[in-house]
Amino acid sequence: MNPKKDKKSSTLIFKESETDYRKQDTEPFSYDRAMAAIQQLVEDMQQPSITMDELLQKQERANVLINLCQEKLRAIKPKFDIPF
């Protein structure tokens, strides 16, 4: 899964995995939504019944979401830097 730029704006969008039980449509990237998805993925990966293929898929999804969150944080960091 690769995030894409919305052609009308610089908003990042991403599509949920086809096997993911969360929303299937493409929505604007939200830090809070991504963090909630990461938390759910971690819980899912801790289940003893998870298969190796499922674990790999969830880990890849988590990596994409983590990168999106890091990009969002880097983008807002300059707004909080206070010059002395």
Protein backbone atom coordinates (compact mmCIF):
# COMPACT_ATOMS: atom_id res chain seq x y z
CA MET A 1 0.00 0.00 0.00
CA ASN A 2 1.40 3.31 -1.04
CA PRO A 3 0.11 6.70 0.08
CA LYS A 4 -0.73 9.08 -2.74
CA LYS A 5 -1.08 12.83 -2.98
CA ASP A 6 -4.54 14.15 -3.62
CA LYS A 7 -4.35 15.91 -7.01
CA LYS A 8 -6.43 18.84 -5.77
CA SER A 9 -4.33 19.48 -2.68
CA SER A 10 -1.25 18.32 -0.86
CA THR A 11 -3.33 16.11 1.42
CA LEU A 12 -1.98 12.58 1.73
CA ILE A 13 -4.50 9.82 1.15
CA PHE A 14 -4.24 6.10 1.66
CA LYS A 15 -6.39 3.09 0.95
CA GLU A 16 -7.14 0.47 3.56
CA SER A 17 -6.08 -3.08 2.80
CA GLU A 18 -8.67 -5.18 0.99
CA THR A 19 -8.63 -7.64 3.90
CA ASP A 20 -8.83 -4.91 6.52
CA TYR A 21 -12.14 -4.70 8.36
CA ARG A 22 -11.87 -0.93 8.71
CA LYS A 23 -13.23 1.54 6.15
CA GLN A 24 -12.49 0.45 2.58
CA ASP A 25 -12.64 3.85 0.92
CA THR A 26 -9.86 6.34 0.38
CA GLU A 27 -9.89 9.18 2.91
CA PRO A 28 -7.62 12.11 3.73
CA PHE A 29 -4.77 11.21 6.04
CA SER A 30 -5.49 11.94 9.67
CA TYR A 31 -2.83 11.56 12.34
CA ASP A 32 -5.38 10.41 14.91
CA ARG A 33 -6.95 7.91 12.52
CA ALA A 34 -3.53 6.52 11.60
CA MET A 35 -2.51 6.18 15.26
CA ALA A 36 -5.74 4.34 16.06
CA ALA A 37 -5.10 2.00 13.13
CA ILE A 38 -1.52 1.39 14.33
CA GLN A 39 -2.77 0.54 17.82
CA GLN A 40 -5.29 -1.90 16.36
CA LEU A 41 -2.62 -3.48 14.16
CA VAL A 42 -0.37 -4.00 17.19
CA GLU A 43 -3.21 -5.69 19.06
CA ASP A 44 -3.94 -7.88 16.04
CA MET A 45 -0.27 -8.86 15.70
CA GLN A 46 -0.20 -9.99 19.33
CA GLN A 47 -2.92 -12.59 18.77
CA PRO A 48 -1.55 -16.14 19.04
CA SER A 49 -3.73 -17.32 16.13
CA ILE A 50 -2.26 -14.89 13.56
CA THR A 51 -0.64 -16.49 10.52
CA MET A 52 2.76 -15.46 9.24
CA ASP A 53 1.19 -13.99 6.10
CA GLU A 54 -1.25 -11.92 8.16
CA LEU A 55 1.57 -10.79 10.44
CA LEU A 56 3.64 -9.65 7.48
CA GLN A 57 0.69 -7.81 5.93
CA LYS A 58 -0.11 -6.01 9.19
CA GLN A 59 3.54 -5.13 9.78
CA GLU A 60 3.80 -3.61 6.30
CA ARG A 61 0.60 -1.62 6.88
CA ALA A 62 1.90 -0.40 10.24
CA ASN A 63 5.15 0.75 8.61
CA VAL A 64 3.23 2.83 6.06
CA LEU A 65 1.11 4.42 8.78
CA ILE A 66 4.14 5.11 10.99
CA ASN A 67 5.88 6.83 8.06
CA LEU A 68 2.79 8.93 7.39
CA CYS A 69 2.65 9.98 11.05
CA GLN A 70 6.33 10.86 11.06
CA GLU A 71 5.88 12.96 7.91
CA LYS A 72 2.94 14.77 9.50
CA LEU A 73 4.97 15.50 12.66
CA ARG A 74 7.95 16.76 10.62
CA ALA A 75 5.60 19.08 8.71
CA ILE A 76 4.21 20.72 11.85
CA LYS A 77 7.45 20.85 13.86
CA PRO A 78 8.53 24.26 12.49
CA LYS A 79 5.27 25.76 13.72
CA PHE A 80 6.22 24.90 17.30
CA ASP A 81 9.87 25.97 17.22
CA ILE A 82 10.20 29.08 19.37
CA PRO A 83 13.13 31.35 18.52
CA PHE A 84 15.02 32.86 21.47
